[in-house]
Amino acid sequence: MARSSAVGAGLGAALTALAAALSEWTLDELLPCGRQEWDCLGSALLLLGAATVFGFLASWLLLRLAGVRPAWRVAVLAGLLVWFGAELSDRALAGSLPTAVSPLASAALFALAAALTAPRPLLWQPRIALLVALALLWPLSGLVGDHRTEASKRSELVDAGVPLLAPDVTGYRLDHPWATRYGHELVYRLWPERPGVDANDPNGWAVHVSVAPMEPGFHPPVCEAHGDSGPFYHMPCKPVAPNTWRTVKQHSVFYFVRRDDAVAVLASYGTHVTDGELRALASTVTVREPGFFLR
C-alpha cells in the first residue's frame, strides 16, 4: 500500500505539471469558436469531456506501468477526489491554489486514492473514518463560503461611501443589496411579502431604492438625484413631508428623501405598490447598520 501511495503521489505531481504546461495555451487556441459549427459552450463541453477521458486513460496507463494494481480503481477514485476538491474550493470561495502548492495537493489526492483502494491490508476503520471526514467537509465548505460572502458584502456596505439609508422593511423582503465605494452608491429592492407577488417582475412589484450623495442640481422643486437605473435630471417634485419630495412620471412614482448630504430615491414603476405604501416607506427612512441589509 505504501508503494502504491508513493507511486500515486508521484503520478499526481506529474499530471499537475502537465496540466500547468497545457494551461499556458490561450483560451482562443483551446476553444476555436469561430472556426466550427459548435458555439463556445459546445466547444467547452467537448474540451471538458476530452480532458476527462484523457486524464483517466493517462492516469490508468501510468499507474499500470508503475505496477499499481488495480490501476483503474486508483485512477477513477483520484479523478473523483480531484473533482470533489474543486467543488469544495468553489463552495468555500477559496479560489485557485498557488502554482507551487498544486502539485503537492494533486500528489496527496493520488496517494489518498491509492491508499483507499489498496486491497491489503484491510484497514476498514481508518478508511471509513477518512470517508466520514471527507463527507463532513461538504457542509463545512458551504458554511465557510457563506461566511466569506457575508463578510465581503458587509465590507462592501461599510465602504460604500454613503449613509446606509433604508426604511422600515416590515412586510417587505430586502433583496439584492449592492454598494460600491467608487460610485458612492447603494441600491437594493424591496419586495412586498404578500400572496401573488411575481418575483420575475421587479418593475411591476418591487420598490427600487437607491442612495447616493446629493447632486449639485438637487434644489426642490427640482429634484435631481441618482436612481438605481441611472440619474434623474431636473424632475419637478412637490414636498410631502420634511425633507421628502414626490414626483410622478407616466406610471412611475418617485419619492426623494434627503438625510444630511445624501438622497434616497424610492421608486415604483408598476401599479402593485400603492402611493400610500411608498409614502409610508419614505417616512421611515433612516441610517441602518450593515447587518440590516444582510438578514
C-alpha atoms as a PDB file:
ATOM      1  CA  MET A   1       0.000   0.000   0.000  1.00  0.00           C
ATOM      2  CA  ALA A   2       2.886   2.332   0.784  1.00  0.00           C
ATOM      3  CA  ARG A   3       4.411   1.723  -2.641  1.00  0.00           C
ATOM      4  CA  SER A   4       1.091   2.355  -4.378  1.00  0.00           C
ATOM      5  CA  SER A   5       0.624   5.552  -2.403  1.00  0.00           C
ATOM      6  CA  ALA A   6       4.093   6.760  -3.311  1.00  0.00           C
ATOM      7  CA  VAL A   7       3.546   5.980  -6.989  1.00  0.00           C
ATOM      8  CA  GLY A   8       0.167   7.665  -6.888  1.00  0.00           C
ATOM      9  CA  ALA A   9       1.680  10.747  -5.300  1.00  0.00           C
ATOM     10  CA  GLY A  10       4.378  10.944  -7.941  1.00  0.00           C
ATOM     11  CA  LEU A  11       1.805  10.493 -10.698  1.00  0.00           C
ATOM     12  CA  GLY A  12      -0.363  13.241  -9.264  1.00  0.00           C
ATOM     13  CA  ALA A  13       2.548  15.661  -9.275  1.00  0.00           C
ATOM     14  CA  ALA A  14       3.431  14.704 -12.838  1.00  0.00           C
ATOM     15  CA  LEU A  15      -0.107  15.176 -14.120  1.00  0.00           C
ATOM     16  CA  THR A  16      -0.342  18.530 -12.354  1.00  0.00           C
ATOM     17  CA  ALA A  17       2.848  19.654 -14.084  1.00  0.00           C
ATOM     18  CA  LEU A  18       1.361  18.543 -17.414  1.00  0.00           C
ATOM     19  CA  ALA A  19      -1.849  20.457 -16.684  1.00  0.00           C
ATOM     20  CA  ALA A  20       0.191  23.557 -15.829  1.00  0.00           C
ATOM     21  CA  ALA A  21       2.000  23.283 -19.158  1.00  0.00           C
ATOM     22  CA  LEU A  22      -1.294  22.918 -21.043  1.00  0.00           C
ATOM     23  CA  SER A  23      -2.703  25.928 -19.201  1.00  0.00           C
ATOM     24  CA  GLU A  24      -0.161  28.106 -20.981  1.00  0.00           C
ATOM     25  CA  TRP A  25      -2.291  27.828 -24.109  1.00  0.00           C
ATOM     26  CA  THR A  26      -4.690  30.686 -24.684  1.00  0.00           C
ATOM     27  CA  LEU A  27      -8.450  30.159 -24.458  1.00  0.00           C
ATOM     28  CA  ASP A  28      -8.809  31.071 -28.131  1.00  0.00           C
ATOM     29  CA  GLU A  29      -6.441  28.258 -29.065  1.00  0.00           C
ATOM     30  CA  LEU A  30      -8.331  25.757 -26.912  1.00  0.00           C
ATOM     31  CA  LEU A  31     -11.800  26.953 -27.973  1.00  0.00           C
ATOM     32  CA  PRO A  32     -11.745  27.951 -31.661  1.00  0.00           C
ATOM     33  CA  CYS A  33     -15.398  29.027 -31.525  1.00  0.00           C
ATOM     34  CA  GLY A  34     -15.387  30.875 -34.799  1.00  0.00           C
ATOM     35  CA  ARG A  35     -13.927  28.034 -36.854  1.00  0.00           C
ATOM     36  CA  GLN A  36     -16.582  25.350 -36.441  1.00  0.00           C
ATOM     37  CA  GLU A  37     -20.314  24.861 -36.297  1.00  0.00           C
ATOM     38  CA  TRP A  38     -20.235  24.425 -32.481  1.00  0.00           C
ATOM     39  CA  ASP A  39     -20.593  27.518 -30.355  1.00  0.00           C
ATOM     40  CA  CYS A  40     -18.310  28.266 -27.395  1.00  0.00           C
ATOM     41  CA  LEU A  41     -20.458  26.255 -24.979  1.00  0.00           C
ATOM     42  CA  GLY A  42     -20.343  23.217 -27.221  1.00  0.00           C
ATOM     43  CA  SER A  43     -16.600  23.575 -27.614  1.00  0.00           C
ATOM     44  CA  ALA A  44     -16.151  23.882 -23.866  1.00  0.00           C
ATOM     45  CA  LEU A  45     -18.219  20.731 -23.254  1.00  0.00           C
ATOM     46  CA  LEU A  46     -16.220  18.813 -25.858  1.00  0.00           C
ATOM     47  CA  LEU A  47     -12.964  20.013 -24.328  1.00  0.00           C
ATOM     48  CA  LEU A  48     -14.117  19.067 -20.823  1.00  0.00           C
ATOM     49  CA  GLY A  49     -15.155  15.595 -21.945  1.00  0.00           C
ATOM     50  CA  ALA A  50     -11.920  15.049 -23.848  1.00  0.00           C
ATOM     51  CA  ALA A  51      -9.836  16.239 -20.875  1.00  0.00           C
ATOM     52  CA  THR A  52     -11.726  13.890 -18.516  1.00  0.00           C
ATOM     53  CA  VAL A  53     -11.207  10.867 -20.769  1.00  0.00           C
ATOM     54  CA  PHE A  54      -7.570  11.744 -21.407  1.00  0.00           C
ATOM     55  CA  GLY A  55      -6.866  12.270 -17.716  1.00  0.00           C
ATOM     56  CA  PHE A  56      -8.372   8.904 -16.791  1.00  0.00           C
ATOM     57  CA  LEU A  57      -6.583   6.990 -19.548  1.00  0.00           C
ATOM     58  CA  ALA A  58      -3.247   8.667 -18.822  1.00  0.00           C
ATOM     59  CA  SER A  59      -3.583   8.003 -15.088  1.00  0.00           C
ATOM     60  CA  TRP A  60      -4.589   4.387 -15.619  1.00  0.00           C
ATOM     61  CA  LEU A  61      -1.789   3.699 -18.091  1.00  0.00           C
ATOM     62  CA  LEU A  62       0.945   5.279 -15.984  1.00  0.00           C
ATOM     63  CA  LEU A  63      -0.268   3.579 -12.822  1.00  0.00           C
ATOM     64  CA  ARG A  64      -0.385   0.213 -14.560  1.00  0.00           C
ATOM     65  CA  LEU A  65       3.104   0.673 -16.000  1.00  0.00           C
ATOM     66  CA  ALA A  66       4.324   1.513 -12.491  1.00  0.00           C
ATOM     67  CA  GLY A  67       2.920  -1.765 -11.202  1.00  0.00           C
ATOM     68  CA  VAL A  68      -0.005  -0.352  -9.217  1.00  0.00           C
ATOM     69  CA  ARG A  69      -2.913  -2.809  -9.009  1.00  0.00           C
ATOM     70  CA  PRO A  70      -5.785  -2.302  -9.533  1.00  0.00           C
ATOM     71  CA  ALA A  71      -4.797   0.765 -11.549  1.00  0.00           C
ATOM     72  CA  TRP A  72      -8.295   1.625 -12.779  1.00  0.00           C
ATOM     73  CA  ARG A  73      -9.648   1.954  -9.236  1.00  0.00           C
ATOM     74  CA  VAL A  74      -6.928   4.403  -8.280  1.00  0.00           C
ATOM     75  CA  ALA A  75      -7.458   6.390 -11.493  1.00  0.00           C
ATOM     76  CA  VAL A  76     -11.238   6.585 -11.003  1.00  0.00           C
ATOM     77  CA  LEU A  77     -11.079   7.477  -7.320  1.00  0.00           C
ATOM     78  CA  ALA A  78      -8.312  10.050  -7.907  1.00  0.00           C
ATOM     79  CA  GLY A  79     -10.478  11.721 -10.546  1.00  0.00           C
ATOM     80  CA  LEU A  80     -13.426  11.809  -8.162  1.00  0.00           C
ATOM     81  CA  LEU A  81     -11.266  13.238  -5.394  1.00  0.00           C
ATOM     82  CA  VAL A  82      -9.922  15.944  -7.714  1.00  0.00           C
ATOM     83  CA  TRP A  83     -13.498  16.865  -8.662  1.00  0.00           C
ATOM     84  CA  PHE A  84     -14.555  16.785  -5.005  1.00  0.00           C
ATOM     85  CA  GLY A  85     -11.637  19.024  -4.030  1.00  0.00           C
ATOM     86  CA  ALA A  86     -12.505  21.512  -6.771  1.00  0.00           C
ATOM     87  CA  GLU A  87     -16.148  21.602  -5.619  1.00  0.00           C
ATOM     88  CA  LEU A  88     -15.077  22.153  -2.013  1.00  0.00           C
ATOM     89  CA  SER A  89     -12.861  25.031  -3.122  1.00  0.00           C
ATOM     90  CA  ASP A  90     -15.718  26.607  -5.088  1.00  0.00           C
ATOM     91  CA  ARG A  91     -18.183  26.237  -2.206  1.00  0.00           C
ATOM     92  CA  ALA A  92     -15.697  27.735   0.240  1.00  0.00           C
ATOM     93  CA  LEU A  93     -14.812  30.540  -2.222  1.00  0.00           C
ATOM     94  CA  ALA A  94     -11.164  29.654  -1.665  1.00  0.00           C
ATOM     95  CA  GLY A  95     -10.023  30.439  -5.201  1.00  0.00           C
ATOM     96  CA  SER A  96      -7.310  28.599  -7.076  1.00  0.00           C
ATOM     97  CA  LEU A  97      -4.363  27.020  -5.301  1.00  0.00           C
ATOM     98  CA  PRO A  98      -0.967  28.686  -5.711  1.00  0.00           C
ATOM     99  CA  THR A  99       1.100  27.185  -8.520  1.00  0.00           C
ATOM    100  CA  ALA A 100       3.692  25.868  -6.080  1.00  0.00           C
ATOM    101  CA  VAL A 101       1.040  24.081  -3.986  1.00  0.00           C
ATOM    102  CA  SER A 102      -0.963  22.456  -6.811  1.00  0.00           C
ATOM    103  CA  PRO A 103       1.476  19.546  -7.431  1.00  0.00           C
ATOM    104  CA  LEU A 104       1.563  18.755  -3.715  1.00  0.00           C
ATOM    105  CA  ALA A 105      -2.241  18.770  -3.464  1.00  0.00           C
ATOM    106  CA  SER A 106      -2.584  16.583  -6.545  1.00  0.00           C
ATOM    107  CA  ALA A 107       0.073  14.206  -5.250  1.00  0.00           C
ATOM    108  CA  ALA A 108      -1.766  13.944  -1.923  1.00  0.00           C
ATOM    109  CA  LEU A 109      -5.058  13.140  -3.682  1.00  0.00           C
ATOM    110  CA  PHE A 110      -3.473  10.372  -5.771  1.00  0.00           C
ATOM    111  CA  ALA A 111      -1.766   8.947  -2.698  1.00  0.00           C
ATOM    112  CA  LEU A 112      -5.080   9.037  -0.856  1.00  0.00           C
ATOM    113  CA  ALA A 113      -6.812   7.271  -3.754  1.00  0.00           C
ATOM    114  CA  ALA A 114      -4.116   4.574  -3.769  1.00  0.00           C
ATOM    115  CA  ALA A 115      -4.444   4.090  -0.019  1.00  0.00           C
ATOM    116  CA  LEU A 116      -8.245   3.856  -0.127  1.00  0.00           C
ATOM    117  CA  THR A 117      -8.274   1.318  -2.978  1.00  0.00           C
ATOM    118  CA  ALA A 118      -5.387  -0.872  -1.779  1.00  0.00           C
ATOM    119  CA  PRO A 119      -6.710  -4.459  -1.313  1.00  0.00           C
ATOM    120  CA  ARG A 120      -4.416  -5.295   1.628  1.00  0.00           C
ATOM    121  CA  PRO A 121      -4.184  -4.795   4.467  1.00  0.00           C
ATOM    122  CA  LEU A 122      -7.907  -4.282   5.059  1.00  0.00           C
ATOM    123  CA  LEU A 123      -7.825  -1.187   7.231  1.00  0.00           C
ATOM    124  CA  TRP A 124     -11.532  -0.550   7.074  1.00  0.00           C
ATOM    125  CA  GLN A 125     -11.925   1.548  10.213  1.00  0.00           C
ATOM    126  CA  PRO A 126      -9.395   4.243   9.191  1.00  0.00           C
ATOM    127  CA  ARG A 127     -10.870   4.260   5.697  1.00  0.00           C
ATOM    128  CA  ILE A 128     -14.399   4.715   6.985  1.00  0.00           C
ATOM    129  CA  ALA A 129     -13.237   7.490   9.313  1.00  0.00           C
ATOM    130  CA  LEU A 130     -11.493   9.192   6.394  1.00  0.00           C
ATOM    131  CA  LEU A 131     -14.593   8.955   4.204  1.00  0.00           C
ATOM    132  CA  VAL A 132     -16.722  10.411   7.013  1.00  0.00           C
ATOM    133  CA  ALA A 133     -14.239  13.282   7.379  1.00  0.00           C
ATOM    134  CA  LEU A 134     -14.430  13.943   3.627  1.00  0.00           C
ATOM    135  CA  ALA A 135     -18.240  13.937   3.796  1.00  0.00           C
ATOM    136  CA  LEU A 136     -18.200  16.435   6.662  1.00  0.00           C
ATOM    137  CA  LEU A 137     -16.077  18.775   4.553  1.00  0.00           C
ATOM    138  CA  TRP A 138     -19.074  19.338   2.223  1.00  0.00           C
ATOM    139  CA  PRO A 139     -21.323  21.222   4.683  1.00  0.00           C
ATOM    140  CA  LEU A 140     -18.270  22.824   6.289  1.00  0.00           C
ATOM    141  CA  SER A 141     -17.166  24.277   2.945  1.00  0.00           C
ATOM    142  CA  GLY A 142     -20.662  25.700   2.463  1.00  0.00           C
ATOM    143  CA  LEU A 143     -20.535  27.389   5.857  1.00  0.00           C
ATOM    144  CA  VAL A 144     -17.117  28.841   5.062  1.00  0.00           C
ATOM    145  CA  GLY A 145     -18.393  30.119   1.715  1.00  0.00           C
ATOM    146  CA  ASP A 146     -21.465  31.710   3.327  1.00  0.00           C
ATOM    147  CA  HIS A 147     -19.244  33.392   5.934  1.00  0.00           C
ATOM    148  CA  ARG A 148     -16.895  34.723   3.236  1.00  0.00           C
ATOM    149  CA  THR A 149     -19.845  36.013   1.212  1.00  0.00           C
ATOM    150  CA  GLU A 150     -21.382  37.783   4.202  1.00  0.00           C
ATOM    151  CA  ALA A 151     -18.027  39.253   5.252  1.00  0.00           C
ATOM    152  CA  SER A 152     -17.414  40.511   1.716  1.00  0.00           C
ATOM    153  CA  LYS A 153     -20.902  42.028   1.468  1.00  0.00           C
ATOM    154  CA  ARG A 154     -20.557  43.635   4.904  1.00  0.00           C
ATOM    155  CA  SER A 155     -17.209  45.162   3.907  1.00  0.00           C
ATOM    156  CA  GLU A 156     -18.784  46.384   0.672  1.00  0.00           C
ATOM    157  CA  LEU A 157     -21.579  48.100   2.597  1.00  0.00           C
ATOM    158  CA  VAL A 158     -19.238  49.653   5.163  1.00  0.00           C
ATOM    159  CA  ASP A 159     -17.062  51.097   2.380  1.00  0.00           C
ATOM    160  CA  ALA A 160     -19.982  52.334   0.273  1.00  0.00           C
ATOM    161  CA  GLY A 161     -19.145  55.975   0.935  1.00  0.00           C
ATOM    162  CA  VAL A 162     -22.789  56.907   1.605  1.00  0.00           C
ATOM    163  CA  PRO A 163     -25.050  56.569   4.667  1.00  0.00           C
ATOM    164  CA  LEU A 164     -26.796  53.191   4.710  1.00  0.00           C
ATOM    165  CA  LEU A 165     -30.285  54.629   4.398  1.00  0.00           C
ATOM    166  CA  ALA A 166     -33.272  52.303   4.434  1.00  0.00           C
ATOM    167  CA  PRO A 167     -36.922  52.382   5.519  1.00  0.00           C
ATOM    168  CA  ASP A 168     -38.640  50.087   7.981  1.00  0.00           C
ATOM    169  CA  VAL A 169     -38.982  46.892   5.935  1.00  0.00           C
ATOM    170  CA  THR A 170     -41.737  45.268   7.993  1.00  0.00           C
ATOM    171  CA  GLY A 171     -43.919  43.482   5.449  1.00  0.00           C
ATOM    172  CA  TYR A 172     -41.187  43.602   2.801  1.00  0.00           C
ATOM    173  CA  ARG A 173     -38.213  41.469   1.792  1.00  0.00           C
ATOM    174  CA  LEU A 174     -34.989  43.359   1.171  1.00  0.00           C
ATOM    175  CA  ASP A 175     -33.251  41.895  -1.852  1.00  0.00           C
ATOM    176  CA  HIS A 176     -30.043  42.378  -3.863  1.00  0.00           C
ATOM    177  CA  PRO A 177     -28.222  44.968  -1.729  1.00  0.00           C
ATOM    178  CA  TRP A 178     -25.302  46.266  -3.747  1.00  0.00           C
ATOM    179  CA  ALA A 179     -22.831  49.029  -2.952  1.00  0.00           C
ATOM    180  CA  THR A 180     -19.662  50.430  -4.474  1.00  0.00           C
ATOM    181  CA  ARG A 181     -17.063  52.647  -2.869  1.00  0.00           C
ATOM    182  CA  TYR A 182     -16.043  54.005  -6.280  1.00  0.00           C
ATOM    183  CA  GLY A 183     -19.515  55.089  -7.347  1.00  0.00           C
ATOM    184  CA  HIS A 184     -20.571  56.087  -3.804  1.00  0.00           C
ATOM    185  CA  GLU A 185     -23.884  54.348  -4.284  1.00  0.00           C
ATOM    186  CA  LEU A 186     -26.152  51.862  -2.512  1.00  0.00           C
ATOM    187  CA  VAL A 187     -29.023  50.124  -4.298  1.00  0.00           C
ATOM    188  CA  TYR A 188     -31.477  47.403  -3.320  1.00  0.00           C
ATOM    189  CA  ARG A 189     -35.050  46.226  -3.836  1.00  0.00           C
ATOM    190  CA  LEU A 190     -37.998  45.804  -1.526  1.00  0.00           C
ATOM    191  CA  TRP A 191     -40.494  43.060  -2.358  1.00  0.00           C
ATOM    192  CA  PRO A 192     -43.930  43.065  -0.698  1.00  0.00           C
ATOM    193  CA  GLU A 193     -44.448  39.922   1.364  1.00  0.00           C
ATOM    194  CA  ARG A 194     -47.960  39.032   0.289  1.00  0.00           C
ATOM    195  CA  PRO A 195     -49.545  36.397  -1.942  1.00  0.00           C
ATOM    196  CA  GLY A 196     -49.384  36.814  -5.695  1.00  0.00           C
ATOM    197  CA  VAL A 197     -46.078  38.685  -5.909  1.00  0.00           C
ATOM    198  CA  ASP A 198     -44.304  37.828  -9.149  1.00  0.00           C
ATOM    199  CA  ALA A 199     -40.579  37.627  -8.373  1.00  0.00           C
ATOM    200  CA  ASN A 200     -39.825  37.675 -12.106  1.00  0.00           C
ATOM    201  CA  ASP A 201     -41.368  41.141 -12.495  1.00  0.00           C
ATOM    202  CA  PRO A 202     -39.256  43.599 -10.461  1.00  0.00           C
ATOM    203  CA  ASN A 203     -40.536  46.627 -12.366  1.00  0.00           C
ATOM    204  CA  GLY A 204     -44.121  45.690 -11.604  1.00  0.00           C
ATOM    205  CA  TRP A 205     -43.804  44.600  -7.986  1.00  0.00           C
ATOM    206  CA  ALA A 206     -40.571  45.748  -6.364  1.00  0.00           C
ATOM    207  CA  VAL A 207     -39.741  49.088  -4.785  1.00  0.00           C
ATOM    208  CA  HIS A 208     -36.377  50.177  -6.184  1.00  0.00           C
ATOM    209  CA  VAL A 209     -34.246  52.071  -3.681  1.00  0.00           C
ATOM    210  CA  SER A 210     -31.002  53.922  -4.334  1.00  0.00           C
ATOM    211  CA  VAL A 211     -28.848  56.038  -2.047  1.00  0.00           C
ATOM    212  CA  ALA A 212     -26.229  58.444  -3.363  1.00  0.00           C
ATOM    213  CA  PRO A 213     -24.628  61.764  -2.413  1.00  0.00           C
ATOM    214  CA  MET A 214     -26.833  64.781  -3.028  1.00  0.00           C
ATOM    215  CA  GLU A 215     -26.445  66.022  -6.597  1.00  0.00           C
ATOM    216  CA  PRO A 216     -25.475  69.693  -7.223  1.00  0.00           C
ATOM    217  CA  GLY A 217     -28.783  70.113  -9.058  1.00  0.00           C
ATOM    218  CA  PHE A 218     -30.918  68.960  -6.140  1.00  0.00           C
ATOM    219  CA  HIS A 219     -32.887  72.128  -5.480  1.00  0.00           C
ATOM    220  CA  PRO A 220     -36.575  71.347  -4.867  1.00  0.00           C
ATOM    221  CA  PRO A 221     -38.941  71.926  -6.542  1.00  0.00           C
ATOM    222  CA  VAL A 222     -36.347  70.427  -8.926  1.00  0.00           C
ATOM    223  CA  CYS A 223     -35.206  67.017  -7.667  1.00  0.00           C
ATOM    224  CA  GLU A 224     -32.077  65.857  -9.424  1.00  0.00           C
ATOM    225  CA  ALA A 225     -30.805  62.591  -7.993  1.00  0.00           C
ATOM    226  CA  HIS A 226     -29.232  59.252  -8.847  1.00  0.00           C
ATOM    227  CA  GLY A 227     -31.554  56.274  -9.164  1.00  0.00           C
ATOM    228  CA  ASP A 228     -30.860  52.562  -9.443  1.00  0.00           C
ATOM    229  CA  SER A 229     -31.163  52.691 -13.241  1.00  0.00           C
ATOM    230  CA  GLY A 230     -29.329  55.996 -13.774  1.00  0.00           C
ATOM    231  CA  PRO A 231     -29.545  59.677 -12.901  1.00  0.00           C
ATOM    232  CA  PHE A 232     -32.808  61.616 -12.770  1.00  0.00           C
ATOM    233  CA  TYR A 233     -32.328  65.089 -14.226  1.00  0.00           C
ATOM    234  CA  HIS A 234     -34.476  68.129 -13.386  1.00  0.00           C
ATOM    235  CA  MET A 235     -37.580  66.269 -12.266  1.00  0.00           C
ATOM    236  CA  PRO A 236     -40.221  68.636 -10.862  1.00  0.00           C
ATOM    237  CA  CYS A 237     -41.126  67.474  -7.368  1.00  0.00           C
ATOM    238  CA  LYS A 238     -43.518  68.531  -4.635  1.00  0.00           C
ATOM    239  CA  PRO A 239     -42.886  68.439  -0.879  1.00  0.00           C
ATOM    240  CA  VAL A 240     -44.958  65.885   1.017  1.00  0.00           C
ATOM    241  CA  ALA A 241     -43.100  65.876   4.367  1.00  0.00           C
ATOM    242  CA  PRO A 242     -39.969  67.424   5.871  1.00  0.00           C
ATOM    243  CA  ASN A 243     -37.014  66.602   3.590  1.00  0.00           C
ATOM    244  CA  THR A 244     -39.287  64.414   1.439  1.00  0.00           C
ATOM    245  CA  TRP A 245     -40.495  65.150  -2.093  1.00  0.00           C
ATOM    246  CA  ARG A 246     -42.624  63.270  -4.603  1.00  0.00           C
ATOM    247  CA  THR A 247     -42.925  63.221  -8.354  1.00  0.00           C
ATOM    248  CA  VAL A 248     -44.946  61.188 -10.849  1.00  0.00           C
ATOM    249  CA  LYS A 249     -43.777  60.337 -14.353  1.00  0.00           C
ATOM    250  CA  GLN A 250     -46.190  58.335 -16.501  1.00  0.00           C
ATOM    251  CA  HIS A 251     -46.947  55.246 -14.365  1.00  0.00           C
ATOM    252  CA  SER A 252     -43.897  55.638 -12.124  1.00  0.00           C
ATOM    253  CA  VAL A 253     -43.824  57.258  -8.688  1.00  0.00           C
ATOM    254  CA  PHE A 254     -40.640  58.585  -7.065  1.00  0.00           C
ATOM    255  CA  TYR A 255     -40.009  59.705  -3.508  1.00  0.00           C
ATOM    256  CA  PHE A 256     -36.858  61.683  -2.742  1.00  0.00           C
ATOM    257  CA  VAL A 257     -35.741  61.574   0.886  1.00  0.00           C
ATOM    258  CA  ARG A 258     -32.820  63.763   1.963  1.00  0.00           C
ATOM    259  CA  ARG A 259     -30.775  62.865   5.005  1.00  0.00           C
ATOM    260  CA  ASP A 260     -27.856  65.249   5.576  1.00  0.00           C
ATOM    261  CA  ASP A 261     -25.812  65.202   2.336  1.00  0.00           C
ATOM    262  CA  ALA A 262     -27.341  62.036   0.868  1.00  0.00           C
ATOM    263  CA  VAL A 263     -30.572  61.408  -1.018  1.00  0.00           C
ATOM    264  CA  ALA A 264     -32.507  58.142  -1.043  1.00  0.00           C
ATOM    265  CA  VAL A 265     -34.810  57.573  -4.012  1.00  0.00           C
ATOM    266  CA  LEU A 266     -37.710  55.143  -3.631  1.00  0.00           C
ATOM    267  CA  ALA A 267     -39.225  54.287  -6.991  1.00  0.00           C
ATOM    268  CA  SER A 268     -42.225  52.217  -8.009  1.00  0.00           C
ATOM    269  CA  TYR A 269     -42.590  51.511 -11.732  1.00  0.00           C
ATOM    270  CA  GLY A 270     -45.785  49.447 -11.550  1.00  0.00           C
ATOM    271  CA  THR A 271     -49.251  49.619 -10.079  1.00  0.00           C
ATOM    272  CA  HIS A 272     -48.974  46.867  -7.444  1.00  0.00           C
ATOM    273  CA  VAL A 273     -47.285  49.082  -4.832  1.00  0.00           C
ATOM    274  CA  THR A 274     -49.614  51.947  -3.991  1.00  0.00           C
ATOM    275  CA  ASP A 275     -48.601  55.536  -3.489  1.00  0.00           C
ATOM    276  CA  GLY A 276     -49.637  55.275   0.154  1.00  0.00           C
ATOM    277  CA  GLU A 277     -47.322  52.290   0.693  1.00  0.00           C
ATOM    278  CA  LEU A 278     -44.470  54.144  -0.950  1.00  0.00           C
ATOM    279  CA  ARG A 279     -45.075  57.230   1.179  1.00  0.00           C
ATOM    280  CA  ALA A 280     -45.157  55.108   4.345  1.00  0.00           C
ATOM    281  CA  LEU A 281     -41.795  53.610   3.424  1.00  0.00           C
ATOM    282  CA  ALA A 282     -40.316  57.045   2.716  1.00  0.00           C
ATOM    283  CA  SER A 283     -41.406  58.313   6.122  1.00  0.00           C
ATOM    284  CA  THR A 284     -39.271  55.708   7.926  1.00  0.00           C
ATOM    285  CA  VAL A 285     -36.008  56.146   6.029  1.00  0.00           C
ATOM    286  CA  THR A 286     -33.070  56.374   8.411  1.00  0.00           C
ATOM    287  CA  VAL A 287     -29.472  55.189   8.741  1.00  0.00           C
ATOM    288  CA  ARG A 288     -29.184  51.440   9.340  1.00  0.00           C
ATOM    289  CA  GLU A 289     -26.394  49.083  10.393  1.00  0.00           C
ATOM    290  CA  PRO A 290     -24.777  46.843   7.724  1.00  0.00           C
ATOM    291  CA  GLY A 291     -26.401  43.777   9.263  1.00  0.00           C
ATOM    292  CA  PHE A 292     -29.834  45.271   8.419  1.00  0.00           C
ATOM    293  CA  PHE A 293     -29.136  44.544   4.734  1.00  0.00           C
ATOM    294  CA  LEU A 294     -27.792  41.015   5.297  1.00  0.00           C
ATOM    295  CA  ARG A 295     -30.789  39.425   7.019  1.00  0.00           C
END
